[in-house]
Protein backbone atom coordinates (compact mmCIF):
# COMPACT_ATOMS: atom_id res chain seq x y z
CA MET A 1 -76.42 -48.52 35.99
CA THR A 2 -77.99 -49.15 32.61
CA ALA A 3 -78.72 -46.47 30.04
CA THR A 4 -82.44 -47.11 30.58
CA GLU A 5 -82.12 -46.51 34.31
CA THR A 6 -80.16 -43.33 33.73
CA ALA A 7 -82.71 -42.02 31.24
CA ALA A 8 -85.50 -42.74 33.69
CA ARG A 9 -84.15 -40.26 36.22
CA PRO A 10 -85.79 -36.82 36.04
CA ALA A 11 -83.82 -34.48 33.81
CA THR A 12 -84.65 -31.32 35.77
CA PRO A 13 -86.20 -30.32 39.08
CA ALA A 14 -89.99 -30.34 39.24
CA PRO A 15 -91.71 -26.98 38.64
CA GLY A 16 -91.45 -24.75 41.70
CA PRO A 17 -88.74 -22.80 43.55
CA THR A 18 -85.41 -23.60 41.89
CA THR A 19 -82.09 -22.47 43.27
CA PHE A 20 -79.23 -21.15 41.17
CA ALA A 21 -77.23 -24.26 42.08
CA GLN A 22 -80.07 -26.60 41.08
CA ALA A 23 -80.40 -24.84 37.74
CA LEU A 24 -76.70 -25.38 37.02
CA ASN A 25 -76.95 -29.02 38.01
CA ALA A 26 -79.95 -29.46 35.73
CA ALA A 27 -78.10 -27.83 32.84
CA LEU A 28 -75.14 -30.19 33.23
CA ARG A 29 -77.44 -33.18 33.62
CA ASP A 30 -79.43 -32.34 30.49
CA ALA A 31 -76.29 -31.70 28.46
CA LEU A 32 -74.78 -35.04 29.55
CA ARG A 33 -77.98 -36.83 28.66
CA GLU A 34 -78.38 -35.26 25.24
CA ASP A 35 -74.78 -35.35 24.00
CA PRO A 36 -72.43 -38.29 24.67
CA ASP A 37 -69.43 -36.06 23.88
CA VAL A 38 -70.05 -33.86 26.95
CA LEU A 39 -67.68 -34.63 29.83
CA VAL A 40 -67.61 -33.04 33.29
CA PHE A 41 -64.47 -33.14 35.42
CA GLY A 42 -62.44 -31.28 38.00
CA GLU A 43 -61.44 -31.42 41.65
CA ASP A 44 -64.06 -33.27 43.76
CA VAL A 45 -66.80 -32.95 41.12
CA GLY A 46 -67.35 -36.72 40.96
CA THR A 47 -67.81 -38.58 44.22
CA LEU A 48 -68.42 -35.48 46.35
CA GLY A 49 -70.52 -33.65 43.77
CA GLY A 50 -68.43 -30.49 44.03
CA VAL A 51 -67.71 -28.20 46.96
CA PHE A 52 -71.00 -26.41 46.27
CA ARG A 53 -72.75 -29.61 45.12
CA ILE A 54 -73.25 -28.27 41.60
CA THR A 55 -72.32 -31.69 40.13
CA ASP A 56 -74.19 -33.70 42.74
CA GLY A 57 -75.35 -37.07 41.42
CA LEU A 58 -73.81 -36.74 37.97
CA ALA A 59 -71.08 -39.34 38.49
CA ARG A 60 -73.64 -41.72 39.97
CA ASP A 61 -76.09 -41.27 37.12
CA PHE A 62 -73.73 -41.06 34.15
CA GLY A 63 -70.77 -43.07 35.34
CA PRO A 64 -67.14 -42.22 36.07
CA GLU A 65 -66.31 -42.00 32.36
CA ARG A 66 -68.59 -38.95 31.96
CA CYS A 67 -68.16 -37.18 35.30
CA PHE A 68 -64.94 -37.73 37.22
CA ASP A 69 -62.43 -36.35 39.70
CA THR A 70 -59.00 -35.08 38.72
CA PRO A 71 -55.76 -34.49 40.61
CA LEU A 72 -55.30 -31.12 42.30
CA ALA A 73 -53.58 -29.60 39.29
CA GLU A 74 -55.44 -26.79 37.55
CA ALA A 75 -52.98 -26.48 34.68
CA GLY A 76 -53.41 -30.19 34.04
CA ILE A 77 -57.21 -29.96 34.21
CA VAL A 78 -57.32 -27.15 31.65
CA GLY A 79 -54.71 -28.77 29.42
CA PHE A 80 -56.52 -32.11 29.50
CA GLY A 81 -59.76 -30.34 28.62
CA LEU A 82 -58.09 -28.54 25.74
CA GLY A 83 -56.82 -31.79 24.28
CA LEU A 84 -60.24 -33.41 24.55
CA ALA A 85 -61.93 -30.38 22.98
CA THR A 86 -59.66 -30.48 19.92
CA GLN A 87 -60.61 -34.14 19.43
CA GLY A 88 -64.35 -33.66 19.28
CA PHE A 89 -65.41 -33.79 22.93
CA ARG A 90 -67.18 -31.00 24.80
CA PRO A 91 -65.46 -30.83 28.19
CA VAL A 92 -66.89 -28.84 31.07
CA VAL A 93 -64.07 -28.33 33.55
CA GLU A 94 -64.36 -26.79 36.99
CA MET A 95 -61.88 -24.58 38.77
CA GLN A 96 -62.97 -25.25 42.33
CA PHE A 97 -62.63 -21.58 43.30
CA ASP A 98 -61.84 -18.59 41.09
CA ALA A 99 -58.45 -17.90 42.68
CA PHE A 100 -57.54 -21.59 42.37
CA GLY A 101 -57.68 -21.16 38.60
CA TYR A 102 -54.55 -19.06 38.26
CA PRO A 103 -52.17 -22.03 37.87
CA GLY A 104 -54.20 -22.94 34.77
CA PHE A 105 -54.26 -19.36 33.47
CA GLU A 106 -51.28 -19.87 31.17
CA GLN A 107 -53.07 -22.76 29.46
CA VAL A 108 -56.17 -20.61 29.01
CA VAL A 109 -54.37 -17.57 27.60
CA SER A 110 -51.67 -19.27 25.54
CA HIS A 111 -53.62 -22.20 24.14
CA VAL A 112 -57.36 -22.38 24.85
CA ALA A 113 -58.01 -18.83 23.63
CA LYS A 114 -55.64 -19.02 20.66
CA MET A 115 -56.10 -22.52 19.26
CA ARG A 116 -58.84 -21.71 16.75
CA ASN A 117 -56.97 -18.70 15.42
CA ARG A 118 -53.61 -20.46 15.44
CA THR A 119 -54.94 -23.32 13.32
CA GLN A 120 -56.95 -21.03 11.00
CA GLY A 121 -60.16 -22.68 12.18
CA ARG A 122 -59.06 -26.26 11.66
CA LEU A 123 -59.30 -26.92 15.41
CA THR A 124 -62.09 -25.55 17.58
CA VAL A 125 -62.22 -25.55 21.37
CA PRO A 126 -65.80 -26.27 22.46
CA MET A 127 -64.85 -26.08 26.12
CA VAL A 128 -66.45 -24.54 29.20
CA ILE A 129 -64.38 -23.47 32.20
CA ARG A 130 -66.71 -23.16 35.19
CA MET A 131 -65.53 -20.93 38.04
CA PRO A 132 -67.33 -20.19 41.30
CA TYR A 133 -66.26 -16.57 41.78
CA ALA A 134 -66.64 -13.33 43.74
CA GLY A 135 -67.35 -12.88 47.44
CA GLY A 136 -70.21 -12.51 49.83
CA ILE A 137 -69.73 -15.87 51.57
CA GLY A 138 -67.03 -14.98 54.10
CA GLY A 139 -64.40 -17.05 52.36
CA VAL A 140 -60.74 -16.95 53.31
CA GLU A 141 -57.79 -16.07 51.05
CA HIS A 142 -57.83 -17.73 47.59
CA HIS A 143 -61.51 -18.66 48.03
CA CYS A 144 -63.00 -15.32 47.00
CA ASP A 145 -61.79 -13.29 44.05
CA SER A 146 -63.15 -11.41 41.06
CA SER A 147 -60.97 -12.43 38.15
CA GLU A 148 -63.26 -11.56 35.23
CA ALA A 149 -61.01 -8.79 33.86
CA TYR A 150 -58.16 -11.23 33.21
CA TYR A 151 -60.34 -13.38 30.99
CA ALA A 152 -62.26 -10.51 29.40
CA HIS A 153 -58.91 -9.04 28.31
CA THR A 154 -58.02 -12.27 26.49
CA PRO A 155 -59.20 -12.33 22.85
CA GLY A 156 -60.66 -15.68 21.85
CA LEU A 157 -62.70 -16.28 25.01
CA HIS A 158 -66.35 -15.73 25.75
CA VAL A 159 -66.92 -14.56 29.33
CA VAL A 160 -70.36 -14.76 30.92
CA SER A 161 -71.76 -14.32 34.42
CA PRO A 162 -75.41 -15.20 35.07
CA ALA A 163 -77.28 -13.67 37.98
CA THR A 164 -80.58 -15.60 37.94
CA PRO A 165 -81.44 -19.32 38.05
CA ALA A 166 -83.03 -19.07 34.59
CA ASP A 167 -79.86 -17.59 33.12
CA ALA A 168 -77.71 -20.08 35.04
CA TYR A 169 -79.45 -22.91 33.22
CA SER A 170 -79.80 -21.29 29.80
CA LEU A 171 -76.37 -19.68 29.52
CA LEU A 172 -74.63 -22.86 30.67
CA ARG A 173 -76.49 -24.93 28.09
CA GLU A 174 -75.55 -22.43 25.40
CA ALA A 175 -71.93 -22.33 26.59
CA ILE A 176 -71.67 -26.12 26.38
CA GLY A 177 -73.08 -26.00 22.85
CA SER A 178 -70.67 -23.29 21.70
CA ASP A 179 -67.71 -24.10 19.47
CA ASP A 180 -65.71 -21.35 21.20
CA PRO A 181 -64.25 -21.60 24.71
CA VAL A 182 -66.41 -20.02 27.41
CA VAL A 183 -65.29 -18.89 30.86
CA PHE A 184 -68.44 -19.36 32.90
CA LEU A 185 -68.36 -17.30 36.09
CA GLU A 186 -70.79 -18.42 38.79
CA PRO A 187 -71.40 -15.98 41.67
CA LYS A 188 -70.97 -18.05 44.81
CA ALA A 189 -73.22 -15.80 46.87
CA LEU A 190 -76.12 -16.50 44.50
CA TYR A 191 -75.95 -20.31 44.60
CA TRP A 192 -78.76 -20.40 47.17
CA SER A 193 -80.94 -17.74 45.57
CA LYS A 194 -84.15 -19.20 44.18
CA THR A 195 -87.12 -18.37 42.00
CA GLU A 196 -90.18 -20.05 40.58
CA LEU A 197 -88.90 -21.75 37.47
CA GLU A 198 -89.88 -24.55 35.14
CA LEU A 199 -86.89 -26.17 33.49
CA PRO A 200 -85.66 -26.52 30.85
CA VAL A 201 -85.76 -22.82 29.95
CA ARG A 202 -84.07 -20.71 27.31
CA THR A 203 -83.37 -17.05 27.95
CA GLU A 204 -81.58 -14.45 25.83
CA PRO A 205 -78.38 -15.71 24.16
CA ILE A 206 -74.78 -15.00 25.12
CA GLY A 207 -73.89 -11.45 24.09
CA THR A 208 -77.27 -10.02 25.10
CA ALA A 209 -77.95 -7.74 28.07
CA VAL A 210 -81.39 -7.55 29.68
CA VAL A 211 -83.28 -4.68 31.28
CA ARG A 212 -84.32 -6.04 34.70
CA ARG A 213 -86.09 -2.87 35.82
CA GLU A 214 -87.42 -0.02 33.67
CA GLY A 215 -86.51 3.56 34.55
CA THR A 216 -86.18 7.04 33.10
CA ASP A 217 -83.68 9.02 35.21
CA VAL A 218 -80.50 6.94 35.45
CA THR A 219 -79.15 3.65 34.09
CA LEU A 220 -77.51 1.28 36.57
CA LEU A 221 -75.36 -1.32 34.81
CA SER A 222 -74.32 -4.48 36.62
CA TYR A 223 -73.77 -8.22 36.21
CA GLY A 224 -73.36 -11.41 38.20
CA PRO A 225 -73.00 -11.08 41.98
CA GLN A 226 -73.93 -7.39 42.16
CA LEU A 227 -77.26 -7.57 40.33
CA PRO A 228 -79.23 -8.03 43.60
CA ARG A 229 -77.47 -4.91 45.00
CA ALA A 230 -78.37 -3.00 41.85
CA LEU A 231 -82.04 -3.86 42.22
CA GLU A 232 -81.97 -2.99 45.94
CA ALA A 233 -80.31 0.34 45.18
CA ALA A 234 -82.84 1.12 42.45
CA GLU A 235 -85.70 0.52 44.88
CA ALA A 236 -84.02 2.64 47.57
CA ALA A 237 -83.34 5.47 45.11
CA GLU A 238 -86.99 5.58 44.13
CA GLN A 239 -88.25 5.43 47.71
CA GLU A 240 -85.77 7.91 49.21
CA GLU A 241 -85.06 10.31 46.35
CA GLY A 242 -87.77 9.78 43.78
CA TRP A 243 -85.25 8.75 41.12
CA SER A 244 -86.44 6.34 38.45
CA VAL A 245 -83.58 3.87 37.96
CA GLU A 246 -83.28 1.50 35.02
CA VAL A 247 -81.28 -1.63 35.91
CA VAL A 248 -79.50 -3.45 33.09
CA ASP A 249 -78.04 -6.92 33.68
CA LEU A 250 -75.06 -7.29 31.32
CA ARG A 251 -75.06 -11.12 31.64
CA SER A 252 -72.30 -11.38 29.03
CA ILE A 253 -69.02 -9.51 29.45
CA VAL A 254 -67.59 -10.85 26.19
CA PRO A 255 -69.24 -10.45 23.75
CA PHE A 256 -70.63 -7.15 25.04
CA ASP A 257 -74.11 -5.86 24.20
CA ASP A 258 -73.44 -2.25 23.24
CA ALA A 259 -76.89 -1.84 21.67
CA THR A 260 -78.94 -2.50 24.82
CA VAL A 261 -76.60 -0.50 27.04
CA THR A 262 -76.40 2.56 24.82
CA ALA A 263 -80.15 2.59 24.20
CA SER A 264 -80.76 2.71 27.95
CA VAL A 265 -78.16 5.40 28.65
CA ARG A 266 -79.32 7.60 25.78
CA LYS A 267 -82.81 7.39 27.22
CA THR A 268 -81.89 8.25 30.81
CA GLY A 269 -78.88 10.52 30.25
CA ARG A 270 -77.09 9.27 33.35
CA CYS A 271 -75.16 6.10 34.11
CA VAL A 272 -73.65 4.25 37.08
CA VAL A 273 -71.62 1.06 36.61
CA LEU A 274 -71.70 -1.37 39.53
CA ALA A 275 -69.20 -4.23 39.77
CA GLU A 276 -67.74 -6.23 42.64
CA ALA A 277 -64.21 -6.45 41.25
CA SER A 278 -61.56 -3.80 41.87
CA GLY A 279 -62.14 -0.69 39.81
CA PHE A 280 -58.74 0.13 38.31
CA ALA A 281 -58.37 -1.38 34.80
CA GLY A 282 -61.38 -3.60 35.48
CA VAL A 283 -64.54 -4.48 33.59
CA SER A 284 -66.30 -1.47 35.12
CA ALA A 285 -63.65 0.79 33.58
CA GLU A 286 -64.19 -0.72 30.13
CA VAL A 287 -67.96 -0.39 30.44
CA ALA A 288 -67.69 3.23 31.55
CA ALA A 289 -65.38 3.99 28.62
CA ARG A 290 -67.71 2.37 26.10
CA VAL A 291 -70.69 4.29 27.46
CA THR A 292 -68.79 7.58 27.36
CA GLU A 293 -67.60 7.01 23.79
CA ARG A 294 -71.03 6.08 22.46
CA CYS A 295 -73.31 8.27 24.57
CA PHE A 296 -71.24 11.40 25.24
CA HIS A 297 -73.74 13.85 23.79
CA SER A 298 -76.60 12.22 25.70
CA LEU A 299 -74.93 12.34 29.12
CA ALA A 300 -76.02 14.95 31.65
CA ALA A 301 -73.12 14.00 33.94
CA PRO A 302 -69.92 11.92 33.89
CA VAL A 303 -70.38 8.15 34.16
CA GLN A 304 -69.90 6.99 37.75
CA ARG A 305 -68.40 3.68 38.89
CA VAL A 306 -68.98 1.75 42.10
CA SER A 307 -66.60 -1.17 42.59
CA GLY A 308 -64.63 -3.17 45.07
CA LEU A 309 -61.60 -1.50 46.59
CA ASP A 310 -58.25 -1.66 44.81
CA ILE A 311 -56.77 -4.06 47.35
CA PRO A 312 -56.13 -7.79 47.58
CA TYR A 313 -59.32 -9.51 48.67
CA PRO A 314 -59.66 -8.89 52.40
CA PRO A 315 -60.22 -11.42 55.21
CA PRO A 316 -63.84 -12.31 56.02
CA VAL A 317 -64.14 -9.85 58.91
CA LEU A 318 -63.44 -6.95 56.51
CA GLU A 319 -65.35 -8.25 53.51
CA HIS A 320 -68.30 -5.92 54.11
CA ARG A 321 -65.95 -2.94 53.82
CA HIS A 322 -64.69 -4.09 50.44
CA LEU A 323 -67.89 -5.11 48.70
CA PRO A 324 -70.07 -2.38 47.14
CA GLY A 325 -73.31 -1.73 48.98
CA VAL A 326 -76.51 0.18 48.43
CA ASP A 327 -75.23 3.31 50.19
CA ARG A 328 -72.23 3.54 47.87
CA VAL A 329 -74.48 3.24 44.85
CA LEU A 330 -76.77 5.98 46.13
CA ASP A 331 -73.75 8.19 46.82
CA ALA A 332 -72.65 7.73 43.20
CA MET A 333 -76.11 8.65 41.97
CA GLU A 334 -76.02 11.84 44.02
CA ARG A 335 -72.94 12.90 42.02
CA LEU A 336 -74.88 12.80 38.75
CA GLN A 337 -75.66 16.55 38.73
CA TRP A 338 -79.40 16.25 38.89
CA ASP A 339 -79.95 19.94 38.10
CA ASP A 340 -78.02 19.44 34.83
CA ARG A 341 -75.47 22.10 35.82
CA PRO A 342 -71.82 21.45 36.66
CA ASP A 343 -71.20 21.02 40.36
CA PRO A 344 -68.06 23.08 41.25
CA THR A 345 -67.40 20.95 44.33
CA TYR A 346 -67.45 17.76 42.28
CA LEU A 347 -65.22 19.24 39.60
CA GLU A 348 -62.69 20.44 42.20
CA GLU A 349 -62.61 16.99 43.83
CA ASP A 350 -62.17 15.42 40.41
CA ARG A 351 -59.12 17.62 39.68
CA ARG A 352 -57.49 16.38 42.86
């Protein structure tokens, strides 16, 4: 295929309902078209177009030198990407599923995250590691996991998780353009979500949270796969209890937008953190700690967390027991001491 024929293909879907997956595909397509140094590779991303078809048509339209399949070796994929990134390319590598990425974790932590610091800035790593992550699709072992805390705990990485098609496009384009490595977490359960969207689109940059729903009584913080639950819970809280819930989409785990979060919590005086990953030592714990440190004198009640259970990811038949739901969010809100007086029952349970 000639360069003219490739350029003639539409860069993005026509205006109208656009799925999360289509937005990601459009972002990769536009990045490949605009920058010859962008490369896309991973397991089955070429001929097949990816397990979730995120890279569909890219190998056909840009050739096997720009979008290609690799062996089933995650450490090799990440290491190869690292080498290319230090030599001026902008690789976008895919870990086929989040839990498949652990064999490449050593490369990420020991080299990708440290290279710029180790070389005192002489070498940058403009590399994106795409990971379909989290649950909600009935996947079996190793196909559903929430690994964001591992990467968020690693200095030198940016960690983002979009929850809307617009952010899927915009944050991926920004990640590809960044000179720092970005772990790009794509909620699998949202791949088929859609909205009216005209691409290309640019939303708020990495490191910026967004208020998705205004409220005055309680702040509900979430990101990625749990944002739809947060919005559902906010609607239910208003309808059933008359609580006005402000929903904040974090979007970016690292860097973290303290300003938007603290402004919301200081306004409402109450906070619930909703995350799909296990709670202990997770992102939700860090967010709750940051809110408590910065908003202590504004809080009418302790910050509550709603998370996945502290267990290995369960089999599909038990997934609904593990994942946070609207009822668990509403239960957490009920513990927020709405009369602004300490609840002795709650305090006794907390001591246990």
